[in-house]
Amino acid sequence: MKRIALISEHASPFGILGGVDSGGQNVYVGQLAKHLAKRGYEVDIFTRRDHPLLPEVAQWTEGVRLIHVPAGVAAPIRKEDLLPFMQEFTDYMLQFCQQQSYDLIHANFWMSGLVAAEIKRLLHIPFVITFHALGRVRRFYQGQNDEFPDERFAIEDRLAAEADCIIAECPQDEADLIQLYHADPQKITIIPCGFDSSEFWSLDKALARVALGMMPDDRVVLQLGRMVPRKGVDTAIQGFSRFCQMSQHPARLIVVGGELDDPDPRIQAEIARLHAIADQAEITDHIQFVGRKGREVLRYLLLQCGRRVYHDSLV
């Protein structure tokens, strides 16, 4: 039976969605691992140990194990600050791979790619990479707000050259890889992100609204995403404010994500900033900050909106 190693240094499928560094990649890696296992592969997911009680090896679901790599202190560390611990991560994985053979490594994100490239160099195991985000694109749009180290650019150049295959998630991703990183188009395969049809399905909007306690004729805009500035929740609030000024029909904006009492001070600060923007726009009475919601509620939130404004992190 073939065995595949997935590397996701900061985003474990075991993570709680909606945190600053927990979102789309966690879901992507977890779903990919589950579906590979259903096809008959044995899958190990290597992710950094960020809590002292996490076991080194744990059976997560049938055919999928979680390998919690000791790299740095066993506590949360911002992904922007993880690069210095990647050598420790690599050393551990090299030792593990010498005891357990793998046919392929799938790296997720650039630091995972750095680990995979070193393993390929030393053990000759081929690797595929999904970048999930590109450093040069991020720096262009975020400028000084991008806190990743500049070393990221050269590392991504190396990965684009050395990966056996690159998974682009959309045509723009492919174009950026070719234009900004000179990636070989023959090595790029576009595989769009999917969804789990067992969690999200078609349902009458009126039923969804009853489940959420809404009136059938409510005019609703939904903002769904992590509470971090780069997700643009402030833009949704400002756009909704303009809509309220131009429309004679009452509406409300539902903001899903984060918790006001979240222990992460970055999330607290962002929610406070968003409340201040709403107060300044004098639309506080038309906005509901409902906090983080589980996936069983998200399906109804997504269904009840005829038009949706949401970002990428919780679905």
C-alpha atoms as a PDB file:
ATOM      1  CA  MET A   1       0.000   0.000   0.000  1.00  0.00           C
ATOM      2  CA  LYS A   2       1.326   3.439  -0.923  1.00  0.00           C
ATOM      3  CA  ARG A   3       1.966   5.970   1.814  1.00  0.00           C
ATOM      4  CA  ILE A   4       1.837   9.755   1.440  1.00  0.00           C
ATOM      5  CA  ALA A   5       3.200  12.386   3.821  1.00  0.00           C
ATOM      6  CA  LEU A   6       1.330  15.684   3.995  1.00  0.00           C
ATOM      7  CA  ILE A   7       3.229  18.580   5.574  1.00  0.00           C
ATOM      8  CA  SER A   8       1.268  21.511   6.986  1.00  0.00           C
ATOM      9  CA  GLU A   9       3.583  23.174   9.462  1.00  0.00           C
ATOM     10  CA  HIS A  10       1.155  25.681  11.003  1.00  0.00           C
ATOM     11  CA  ALA A  11      -2.294  24.444   9.951  1.00  0.00           C
ATOM     12  CA  SER A  12      -3.428  21.189  11.518  1.00  0.00           C
ATOM     13  CA  PRO A  13      -6.801  19.695  10.601  1.00  0.00           C
ATOM     14  CA  PHE A  14      -7.174  19.264  14.368  1.00  0.00           C
ATOM     15  CA  GLY A  15      -7.035  23.054  14.816  1.00  0.00           C
ATOM     16  CA  ILE A  16     -10.063  25.154  15.842  1.00  0.00           C
ATOM     17  CA  LEU A  17     -11.253  27.049  12.786  1.00  0.00           C
ATOM     18  CA  GLY A  18     -11.556  30.809  12.909  1.00  0.00           C
ATOM     19  CA  GLY A  19      -8.375  31.617  14.813  1.00  0.00           C
ATOM     20  CA  VAL A  20      -5.806  33.986  13.380  1.00  0.00           C
ATOM     21  CA  ASP A  21      -3.823  31.138  11.802  1.00  0.00           C
ATOM     22  CA  SER A  22      -6.604  28.533  11.465  1.00  0.00           C
ATOM     23  CA  GLY A  23      -8.759  28.548   8.385  1.00  0.00           C
ATOM     24  CA  GLY A  24      -8.858  27.343   4.839  1.00  0.00           C
ATOM     25  CA  GLN A  25      -5.568  25.413   4.829  1.00  0.00           C
ATOM     26  CA  ASN A  26      -6.634  23.384   7.860  1.00  0.00           C
ATOM     27  CA  VAL A  27      -9.792  22.305   6.036  1.00  0.00           C
ATOM     28  CA  TYR A  28      -7.945  21.682   2.772  1.00  0.00           C
ATOM     29  CA  VAL A  29      -5.322  19.431   4.341  1.00  0.00           C
ATOM     30  CA  GLY A  30      -7.838  17.499   6.414  1.00  0.00           C
ATOM     31  CA  GLN A  31     -10.238  16.868   3.546  1.00  0.00           C
ATOM     32  CA  LEU A  32      -7.423  15.934   1.171  1.00  0.00           C
ATOM     33  CA  ALA A  33      -6.071  13.423   3.673  1.00  0.00           C
ATOM     34  CA  LYS A  34      -9.490  11.858   4.236  1.00  0.00           C
ATOM     35  CA  HIS A  35     -10.168  11.456   0.522  1.00  0.00           C
ATOM     36  CA  LEU A  36      -6.726  10.028  -0.165  1.00  0.00           C
ATOM     37  CA  ALA A  37      -7.349   7.496   2.600  1.00  0.00           C
ATOM     38  CA  LYS A  38     -10.688   6.564   1.023  1.00  0.00           C
ATOM     39  CA  ARG A  39      -8.787   5.822  -2.199  1.00  0.00           C
ATOM     40  CA  GLY A  40      -6.609   3.350  -0.347  1.00  0.00           C
ATOM     41  CA  TYR A  41      -3.549   5.417   0.595  1.00  0.00           C
ATOM     42  CA  GLU A  42      -2.010   5.523   4.052  1.00  0.00           C
ATOM     43  CA  VAL A  43      -1.600   9.192   4.984  1.00  0.00           C
ATOM     44  CA  ASP A  44       0.502  10.901   7.660  1.00  0.00           C
ATOM     45  CA  ILE A  45       0.006  14.623   8.309  1.00  0.00           C
ATOM     46  CA  PHE A  46       3.076  16.334   9.788  1.00  0.00           C
ATOM     47  CA  THR A  47       2.216  19.518  11.671  1.00  0.00           C
ATOM     48  CA  ARG A  48       4.000  21.470  14.403  1.00  0.00           C
ATOM     49  CA  ARG A  49       3.231  20.497  17.993  1.00  0.00           C
ATOM     50  CA  ASP A  50       1.658  23.627  19.496  1.00  0.00           C
ATOM     51  CA  HIS A  51       0.314  22.195  22.769  1.00  0.00           C
ATOM     52  CA  PRO A  52       2.217  20.157  25.385  1.00  0.00           C
ATOM     53  CA  LEU A  53      -0.561  17.552  25.714  1.00  0.00           C
ATOM     54  CA  LEU A  54      -0.610  16.607  22.035  1.00  0.00           C
ATOM     55  CA  PRO A  55       0.755  13.083  21.451  1.00  0.00           C
ATOM     56  CA  GLU A  56       3.604  12.586  19.032  1.00  0.00           C
ATOM     57  CA  VAL A  57       1.544  10.233  16.847  1.00  0.00           C
ATOM     58  CA  ALA A  58      -2.252  10.072  16.890  1.00  0.00           C
ATOM     59  CA  GLN A  59      -4.792   8.241  14.760  1.00  0.00           C
ATOM     60  CA  TRP A  60      -7.028  11.034  13.454  1.00  0.00           C
ATOM     61  CA  THR A  61      -9.394   9.106  11.209  1.00  0.00           C
ATOM     62  CA  GLU A  62      -9.278   5.801   9.367  1.00  0.00           C
ATOM     63  CA  GLY A  63      -6.113   5.693   7.275  1.00  0.00           C
ATOM     64  CA  VAL A  64      -4.858   9.095   8.524  1.00  0.00           C
ATOM     65  CA  ARG A  65      -2.405   9.802  11.333  1.00  0.00           C
ATOM     66  CA  LEU A  66      -1.387  13.137  12.823  1.00  0.00           C
ATOM     67  CA  ILE A  67       2.339  13.480  13.519  1.00  0.00           C
ATOM     68  CA  HIS A  68       2.967  16.356  15.929  1.00  0.00           C
ATOM     69  CA  VAL A  69       6.481  17.575  15.229  1.00  0.00           C
ATOM     70  CA  PRO A  70       8.498  19.085  18.100  1.00  0.00           C
ATOM     71  CA  ALA A  71       9.789  22.317  16.589  1.00  0.00           C
ATOM     72  CA  GLY A  72      10.081  25.196  18.983  1.00  0.00           C
ATOM     73  CA  VAL A  73       8.090  25.529  22.191  1.00  0.00           C
ATOM     74  CA  ALA A  74       4.890  23.457  22.379  1.00  0.00           C
ATOM     75  CA  ALA A  75       2.678  26.535  22.279  1.00  0.00           C
ATOM     76  CA  PRO A  76       1.075  28.696  19.586  1.00  0.00           C
ATOM     77  CA  ILE A  77       3.563  30.673  17.491  1.00  0.00           C
ATOM     78  CA  ARG A  78       2.553  33.081  14.733  1.00  0.00           C
ATOM     79  CA  LYS A  79       3.210  31.576  11.331  1.00  0.00           C
ATOM     80  CA  GLU A  80       5.136  34.732  10.469  1.00  0.00           C
ATOM     81  CA  ASP A  81       7.657  33.714  13.150  1.00  0.00           C
ATOM     82  CA  LEU A  82       8.005  30.007  12.355  1.00  0.00           C
ATOM     83  CA  LEU A  83      10.860  30.012   9.828  1.00  0.00           C
ATOM     84  CA  PRO A  84      13.645  29.705  12.474  1.00  0.00           C
ATOM     85  CA  PHE A  85      12.085  26.417  13.644  1.00  0.00           C
ATOM     86  CA  MET A  86      11.933  24.766  10.226  1.00  0.00           C
ATOM     87  CA  GLN A  87      15.405  23.206  10.557  1.00  0.00           C
ATOM     88  CA  GLU A  88      14.256  21.452  13.717  1.00  0.00           C
ATOM     89  CA  PHE A  89      11.096  20.386  11.882  1.00  0.00           C
ATOM     90  CA  THR A  90      13.214  19.062   8.993  1.00  0.00           C
ATOM     91  CA  ASP A  91      15.597  17.154  11.263  1.00  0.00           C
ATOM     92  CA  TYR A  92      12.697  15.408  12.968  1.00  0.00           C
ATOM     93  CA  MET A  93      11.013  14.513   9.702  1.00  0.00           C
ATOM     94  CA  LEU A  94      14.230  13.184   8.173  1.00  0.00           C
ATOM     95  CA  GLN A  95      14.623  10.825  11.109  1.00  0.00           C
ATOM     96  CA  PHE A  96      10.965   9.782  10.882  1.00  0.00           C
ATOM     97  CA  CYS A  97      11.228   9.146   7.124  1.00  0.00           C
ATOM     98  CA  GLN A  98      14.165   6.829   7.659  1.00  0.00           C
ATOM     99  CA  GLN A  99      11.952   4.647   9.843  1.00  0.00           C
ATOM    100  CA  GLN A 100       8.792   4.986   7.752  1.00  0.00           C
ATOM    101  CA  SER A 101       9.102   5.131   3.960  1.00  0.00           C
ATOM    102  CA  TYR A 102       6.920   7.413   1.836  1.00  0.00           C
ATOM    103  CA  ASP A 103       6.178   7.325  -1.879  1.00  0.00           C
ATOM    104  CA  LEU A 104       5.332  11.030  -2.093  1.00  0.00           C
ATOM    105  CA  ILE A 105       5.355  14.188   0.006  1.00  0.00           C
ATOM    106  CA  HIS A 106       2.699  16.877  -0.419  1.00  0.00           C
ATOM    107  CA  ALA A 107       3.803  20.191   1.076  1.00  0.00           C
ATOM    108  CA  ASN A 108       1.286  22.865   1.991  1.00  0.00           C
ATOM    109  CA  PHE A 109       2.595  26.438   2.286  1.00  0.00           C
ATOM    110  CA  TRP A 110       6.115  27.625   1.627  1.00  0.00           C
ATOM    111  CA  MET A 111       7.724  26.594   4.918  1.00  0.00           C
ATOM    112  CA  SER A 112       6.368  23.075   4.512  1.00  0.00           C
ATOM    113  CA  GLY A 113       7.808  23.197   1.011  1.00  0.00           C
ATOM    114  CA  LEU A 114      11.228  24.055   2.434  1.00  0.00           C
ATOM    115  CA  VAL A 115      11.072  20.916   4.583  1.00  0.00           C
ATOM    116  CA  ALA A 116       9.945  18.805   1.616  1.00  0.00           C
ATOM    117  CA  ALA A 117      12.729  20.156  -0.615  1.00  0.00           C
ATOM    118  CA  GLU A 118      15.382  19.213   1.937  1.00  0.00           C
ATOM    119  CA  ILE A 119      13.932  15.716   2.307  1.00  0.00           C
ATOM    120  CA  LYS A 120      13.946  15.298  -1.467  1.00  0.00           C
ATOM    121  CA  ARG A 121      17.581  16.470  -1.608  1.00  0.00           C
ATOM    122  CA  LEU A 122      18.704  14.012   1.047  1.00  0.00           C
ATOM    123  CA  LEU A 123      16.320  11.065   0.673  1.00  0.00           C
ATOM    124  CA  HIS A 124      15.195  11.506  -2.950  1.00  0.00           C
ATOM    125  CA  ILE A 125      11.464  11.402  -2.139  1.00  0.00           C
ATOM    126  CA  PRO A 126       9.524  13.415  -4.758  1.00  0.00           C
ATOM    127  CA  PHE A 127       7.282  16.222  -3.575  1.00  0.00           C
ATOM    128  CA  VAL A 128       4.303  18.198  -4.789  1.00  0.00           C
ATOM    129  CA  ILE A 129       3.405  21.587  -3.331  1.00  0.00           C
ATOM    130  CA  THR A 130       0.288  23.689  -2.886  1.00  0.00           C
ATOM    131  CA  PHE A 131       1.432  27.181  -1.923  1.00  0.00           C
ATOM    132  CA  HIS A 132      -1.980  28.463  -0.731  1.00  0.00           C
ATOM    133  CA  ALA A 133      -0.516  31.982  -0.936  1.00  0.00           C
ATOM    134  CA  LEU A 134       2.508  33.499  -2.647  1.00  0.00           C
ATOM    135  CA  GLY A 135       4.915  35.846  -0.904  1.00  0.00           C
ATOM    136  CA  ARG A 136       5.376  38.298  -3.764  1.00  0.00           C
ATOM    137  CA  VAL A 137       1.622  38.606  -4.269  1.00  0.00           C
ATOM    138  CA  ARG A 138       1.088  39.122  -0.557  1.00  0.00           C
ATOM    139  CA  ARG A 139       3.832  41.764  -0.332  1.00  0.00           C
ATOM    140  CA  PHE A 140       2.425  43.636  -3.354  1.00  0.00           C
ATOM    141  CA  TYR A 141      -1.039  43.965  -1.824  1.00  0.00           C
ATOM    142  CA  GLN A 142      -0.180  44.220   1.873  1.00  0.00           C
ATOM    143  CA  GLY A 143       3.055  46.175   1.783  1.00  0.00           C
ATOM    144  CA  GLN A 144       4.408  46.817   5.281  1.00  0.00           C
ATOM    145  CA  ASN A 145       1.519  44.885   6.813  1.00  0.00           C
ATOM    146  CA  ASP A 146       3.108  41.698   5.467  1.00  0.00           C
ATOM    147  CA  GLU A 147       5.259  40.482   8.347  1.00  0.00           C
ATOM    148  CA  PHE A 148       6.753  37.384   6.713  1.00  0.00           C
ATOM    149  CA  PRO A 149      10.556  37.527   6.362  1.00  0.00           C
ATOM    150  CA  ASP A 150      12.060  38.490   3.014  1.00  0.00           C
ATOM    151  CA  GLU A 151      13.752  35.058   2.876  1.00  0.00           C
ATOM    152  CA  ARG A 152      10.360  33.759   1.770  1.00  0.00           C
ATOM    153  CA  PHE A 153      10.883  35.011  -1.791  1.00  0.00           C
ATOM    154  CA  ALA A 154      14.100  33.089  -2.434  1.00  0.00           C
ATOM    155  CA  ILE A 155      12.684  29.966  -0.783  1.00  0.00           C
ATOM    156  CA  GLU A 156       9.608  30.108  -3.008  1.00  0.00           C
ATOM    157  CA  ASP A 157      11.871  30.550  -6.055  1.00  0.00           C
ATOM    158  CA  ARG A 158      13.680  27.372  -5.037  1.00  0.00           C
ATOM    159  CA  LEU A 159      10.453  25.462  -4.490  1.00  0.00           C
ATOM    160  CA  ALA A 160       9.021  26.477  -7.850  1.00  0.00           C
ATOM    161  CA  ALA A 161      12.176  25.117  -9.476  1.00  0.00           C
ATOM    162  CA  GLU A 162      12.604  21.915  -7.428  1.00  0.00           C
ATOM    163  CA  ALA A 163       9.039  20.676  -6.894  1.00  0.00           C
ATOM    164  CA  ASP A 164       8.058  17.706  -9.022  1.00  0.00           C
ATOM    165  CA  CYS A 165       4.560  19.130  -9.389  1.00  0.00           C
ATOM    166  CA  ILE A 166       2.864  22.376  -8.344  1.00  0.00           C
ATOM    167  CA  ILE A 167      -0.858  22.533  -7.606  1.00  0.00           C
ATOM    168  CA  ALA A 168      -2.379  25.882  -8.523  1.00  0.00           C
ATOM    169  CA  GLU A 169      -5.797  26.558  -7.055  1.00  0.00           C
ATOM    170  CA  CYS A 170      -7.057  28.799  -9.867  1.00  0.00           C
ATOM    171  CA  PRO A 171      -5.872  30.271 -13.202  1.00  0.00           C
ATOM    172  CA  GLN A 172      -4.612  33.438 -11.469  1.00  0.00           C
ATOM    173  CA  ASP A 173      -2.506  31.302  -9.140  1.00  0.00           C
ATOM    174  CA  GLU A 174      -1.004  29.570 -12.170  1.00  0.00           C
ATOM    175  CA  ALA A 175      -0.297  32.899 -13.889  1.00  0.00           C
ATOM    176  CA  ASP A 176       1.404  34.296 -10.765  1.00  0.00           C
ATOM    177  CA  LEU A 177       3.595  31.195 -10.466  1.00  0.00           C
ATOM    178  CA  ILE A 178       4.730  31.514 -14.064  1.00  0.00           C
ATOM    179  CA  GLN A 179       5.167  35.295 -14.186  1.00  0.00           C
ATOM    180  CA  LEU A 180       6.560  35.957 -10.704  1.00  0.00           C
ATOM    181  CA  TYR A 181       8.440  32.696 -10.052  1.00  0.00           C
ATOM    182  CA  HIS A 182       9.270  31.449 -13.564  1.00  0.00           C
ATOM    183  CA  ALA A 183       7.640  28.115 -12.759  1.00  0.00           C
ATOM    184  CA  ASP A 184       7.606  25.572 -15.561  1.00  0.00           C
ATOM    185  CA  PRO A 185       4.026  25.500 -16.908  1.00  0.00           C
ATOM    186  CA  GLN A 186       4.428  21.768 -17.586  1.00  0.00           C
ATOM    187  CA  LYS A 187       4.772  21.149 -13.839  1.00  0.00           C
ATOM    188  CA  ILE A 188       1.634  23.090 -12.877  1.00  0.00           C
ATOM    189  CA  THR A 189      -1.766  21.467 -12.509  1.00  0.00           C
ATOM    190  CA  ILE A 190      -4.846  23.532 -11.641  1.00  0.00           C
ATOM    191  CA  ILE A 191      -7.010  21.792  -9.030  1.00  0.00           C
ATOM    192  CA  PRO A 192      -9.693  24.124  -7.646  1.00  0.00           C
ATOM    193  CA  CYS A 193     -10.703  23.844  -4.007  1.00  0.00           C
ATOM    194  CA  GLY A 194     -13.877  21.849  -3.527  1.00  0.00           C
ATOM    195  CA  PHE A 195     -16.590  21.485  -0.934  1.00  0.00           C
ATOM    196  CA  ASP A 196     -18.049  18.635   1.067  1.00  0.00           C
ATOM    197  CA  SER A 197     -21.481  17.806  -0.325  1.00  0.00           C
ATOM    198  CA  SER A 198     -22.312  15.965   2.897  1.00  0.00           C
ATOM    199  CA  GLU A 199     -22.071  19.296   4.765  1.00  0.00           C
ATOM    200  CA  PHE A 200     -23.432  21.802   2.229  1.00  0.00           C
ATOM    201  CA  TRP A 201     -26.436  21.122   0.039  1.00  0.00           C
ATOM    202  CA  SER A 202     -29.360  22.894  -1.598  1.00  0.00           C
ATOM    203  CA  LEU A 203     -32.140  23.905   0.784  1.00  0.00           C
ATOM    204  CA  ASP A 204     -35.079  26.277   0.496  1.00  0.00           C
ATOM    205  CA  LYS A 205     -34.086  29.733   1.753  1.00  0.00           C
ATOM    206  CA  ALA A 206     -37.277  30.086   3.801  1.00  0.00           C
ATOM    207  CA  LEU A 207     -36.443  26.904   5.732  1.00  0.00           C
ATOM    208  CA  ALA A 208     -32.899  28.124   6.359  1.00  0.00           C
ATOM    209  CA  ARG A 209     -34.225  31.409   7.717  1.00  0.00           C
ATOM    210  CA  VAL A 210     -36.628  29.634  10.049  1.00  0.00           C
ATOM    211  CA  ALA A 211     -33.711  27.580  11.378  1.00  0.00           C
ATOM    212  CA  LEU A 212     -31.828  30.827  12.098  1.00  0.00           C
ATOM    213  CA  GLY A 213     -34.804  32.678  13.575  1.00  0.00           C
ATOM    214  CA  MET A 214     -35.004  35.194  10.731  1.00  0.00           C
ATOM    215  CA  MET A 215     -38.041  36.680   9.045  1.00  0.00           C
ATOM    216  CA  PRO A 216     -38.732  35.501   5.468  1.00  0.00           C
ATOM    217  CA  ASP A 217     -38.403  39.011   3.997  1.00  0.00           C
ATOM    218  CA  ASP A 218     -35.291  40.160   5.865  1.00  0.00           C
ATOM    219  CA  ARG A 219     -32.704  41.795   3.605  1.00  0.00           C
ATOM    220  CA  VAL A 220     -29.413  40.309   4.746  1.00  0.00           C
ATOM    221  CA  VAL A 221     -25.754  40.645   3.792  1.00  0.00           C
ATOM    222  CA  LEU A 222     -23.432  37.968   5.193  1.00  0.00           C
ATOM    223  CA  GLN A 223     -19.758  38.548   5.969  1.00  0.00           C
ATOM    224  CA  LEU A 224     -17.985  35.331   6.870  1.00  0.00           C
ATOM    225  CA  GLY A 225     -14.286  35.101   7.626  1.00  0.00           C
ATOM    226  CA  ARG A 226     -11.489  35.292  10.148  1.00  0.00           C
ATOM    227  CA  MET A 227     -11.113  38.441  12.201  1.00  0.00           C
ATOM    228  CA  VAL A 228      -7.818  39.648  10.778  1.00  0.00           C
ATOM    229  CA  PRO A 229      -7.342  42.961   8.936  1.00  0.00           C
ATOM    230  CA  ARG A 230      -6.254  41.415   5.625  1.00  0.00           C
ATOM    231  CA  LYS A 231      -9.646  39.695   5.241  1.00  0.00           C
ATOM    232  CA  GLY A 232     -11.273  43.068   4.570  1.00  0.00           C
ATOM    233  CA  VAL A 233     -14.200  42.910   6.995  1.00  0.00           C
ATOM    234  CA  ASP A 234     -13.885  46.687   7.297  1.00  0.00           C
ATOM    235  CA  THR A 235     -14.503  46.968   3.547  1.00  0.00           C
ATOM    236  CA  ALA A 236     -17.705  44.931   3.918  1.00  0.00           C
ATOM    237  CA  ILE A 237     -18.883  47.245   6.709  1.00  0.00           C
ATOM    238  CA  GLN A 238     -18.066  50.384   4.737  1.00  0.00           C
ATOM    239  CA  GLY A 239     -19.762  49.011   1.628  1.00  0.00           C
ATOM    240  CA  PHE A 240     -22.827  48.068   3.658  1.00  0.00           C
ATOM    241  CA  SER A 241     -22.909  51.606   5.070  1.00  0.00           C
ATOM    242  CA  ARG A 242     -23.007  53.028   1.539  1.00  0.00           C
ATOM    243  CA  PHE A 243     -25.793  50.611   0.655  1.00  0.00           C
ATOM    244  CA  CYS A 244     -27.826  51.756   3.665  1.00  0.00           C
ATOM    245  CA  GLN A 245     -27.392  55.386   2.624  1.00  0.00           C
ATOM    246  CA  MET A 246     -28.582  54.686  -0.929  1.00  0.00           C
ATOM    247  CA  SER A 247     -31.412  52.255  -0.159  1.00  0.00           C
ATOM    248  CA  GLN A 248     -34.816  53.025   1.297  1.00  0.00           C
ATOM    249  CA  HIS A 249     -35.270  49.419   2.398  1.00  0.00           C
ATOM    250  CA  PRO A 250     -33.917  48.324   5.799  1.00  0.00           C
ATOM    251  CA  ALA A 251     -31.230  45.653   5.820  1.00  0.00           C
ATOM    252  CA  ARG A 252     -28.750  44.115   8.195  1.00  0.00           C
ATOM    253  CA  LEU A 253     -25.205  42.858   7.984  1.00  0.00           C
ATOM    254  CA  ILE A 254     -24.344  39.628   9.794  1.00  0.00           C
ATOM    255  CA  VAL A 255     -20.638  39.370  10.611  1.00  0.00           C
ATOM    256  CA  VAL A 256     -19.557  35.810  11.427  1.00  0.00           C
ATOM    257  CA  GLY A 257     -16.136  35.073  12.894  1.00  0.00           C
ATOM    258  CA  GLY A 258     -14.075  35.571  16.028  1.00  0.00           C
ATOM    259  CA  GLU A 259     -15.267  36.054  19.598  1.00  0.00           C
ATOM    260  CA  LEU A 260     -15.157  39.294  21.587  1.00  0.00           C
ATOM    261  CA  ASP A 261     -13.681  37.407  24.542  1.00  0.00           C
ATOM    262  CA  ASP A 262     -11.210  35.464  22.377  1.00  0.00           C
ATOM    263  CA  PRO A 263      -7.952  34.969  24.309  1.00  0.00           C
ATOM    264  CA  ASP A 264      -5.950  36.102  21.267  1.00  0.00           C
ATOM    265  CA  PRO A 265      -5.414  39.870  21.686  1.00  0.00           C
ATOM    266  CA  ARG A 266      -5.081  40.300  17.905  1.00  0.00           C
ATOM    267  CA  ILE A 267      -8.640  39.064  17.390  1.00  0.00           C
ATOM    268  CA  GLN A 268      -9.921  41.244  20.252  1.00  0.00           C
ATOM    269  CA  ALA A 269      -8.231  44.293  18.730  1.00  0.00           C
ATOM    270  CA  GLU A 270      -9.665  43.631  15.267  1.00  0.00           C
ATOM    271  CA  ILE A 271     -13.218  43.149  16.548  1.00  0.00           C
ATOM    272  CA  ALA A 272     -12.940  46.379  18.556  1.00  0.00           C
ATOM    273  CA  ARG A 273     -11.680  48.191  15.444  1.00  0.00           C
ATOM    274  CA  LEU A 274     -14.609  46.888  13.392  1.00  0.00           C
ATOM    275  CA  HIS A 275     -17.110  47.978  16.052  1.00  0.00           C
ATOM    276  CA  ALA A 276     -15.562  51.454  15.962  1.00  0.00           C
ATOM    277  CA  ILE A 277     -15.940  51.610  12.169  1.00  0.00           C
ATOM    278  CA  ALA A 278     -19.595  50.608  12.487  1.00  0.00           C
ATOM    279  CA  ASP A 279     -20.143  53.222  15.212  1.00  0.00           C
ATOM    280  CA  GLN A 280     -18.525  55.940  13.107  1.00  0.00           C
ATOM    281  CA  ALA A 281     -20.725  55.021  10.149  1.00  0.00           C
ATOM    282  CA  GLU A 282     -23.793  55.144  12.439  1.00  0.00           C
ATOM    283  CA  ILE A 283     -24.977  51.697  11.367  1.00  0.00           C
ATOM    284  CA  THR A 284     -24.431  49.806  14.622  1.00  0.00           C
ATOM    285  CA  ASP A 285     -28.143  49.027  14.866  1.00  0.00           C
ATOM    286  CA  HIS A 286     -27.986  47.307  11.464  1.00  0.00           C
ATOM    287  CA  ILE A 287     -24.971  45.048  12.168  1.00  0.00           C
ATOM    288  CA  GLN A 288     -24.832  41.813  14.147  1.00  0.00           C
ATOM    289  CA  PHE A 289     -21.472  40.453  15.252  1.00  0.00           C
ATOM    290  CA  VAL A 290     -22.468  36.856  15.988  1.00  0.00           C
ATOM    291  CA  GLY A 291     -19.043  35.383  16.687  1.00  0.00           C
ATOM    292  CA  ARG A 292     -17.634  32.074  15.523  1.00  0.00           C
ATOM    293  CA  LYS A 293     -20.194  29.526  14.329  1.00  0.00           C
ATOM    294  CA  GLY A 294     -19.906  25.799  13.819  1.00  0.00           C
ATOM    295  CA  ARG A 295     -20.226  24.253  10.400  1.00  0.00           C
ATOM    296  CA  GLU A 296     -23.707  22.934  11.156  1.00  0.00           C
ATOM    297  CA  VAL A 297     -24.843  26.588  11.469  1.00  0.00           C
ATOM    298  CA  LEU A 298     -22.721  27.902   8.601  1.00  0.00           C
ATOM    299  CA  ARG A 299     -24.664  25.835   6.068  1.00  0.00           C
ATOM    300  CA  TYR A 300     -27.855  27.692   6.997  1.00  0.00           C
ATOM    301  CA  LEU A 301     -26.154  31.080   7.024  1.00  0.00           C
ATOM    302  CA  LEU A 302     -24.836  30.495   3.528  1.00  0.00           C
ATOM    303  CA  LEU A 303     -28.181  29.213   2.260  1.00  0.00           C
ATOM    304  CA  GLN A 304     -30.333  32.036   3.592  1.00  0.00           C
ATOM    305  CA  CYS A 305     -28.487  34.797   1.743  1.00  0.00           C
ATOM    306  CA  GLY A 306     -29.460  35.393  -1.850  1.00  0.00           C
ATOM    307  CA  ARG A 307     -26.220  37.323  -2.343  1.00  0.00           C
ATOM    308  CA  ARG A 308     -23.230  36.644  -0.188  1.00  0.00           C
ATOM    309  CA  VAL A 309     -20.142  38.508   0.897  1.00  0.00           C
ATOM    310  CA  TYR A 310     -17.704  36.196   2.647  1.00  0.00           C
ATOM    311  CA  HIS A 311     -14.054  35.387   2.752  1.00  0.00           C
ATOM    312  CA  ASP A 312     -12.173  32.162   2.650  1.00  0.00           C
ATOM    313  CA  SER A 313     -11.523  30.910   6.097  1.00  0.00           C
ATOM    314  CA  LEU A 314     -14.375  29.051   7.720  1.00  0.00           C
ATOM    315  CA  VAL A 315     -15.836  27.014   4.877  1.00  0.00           C
END
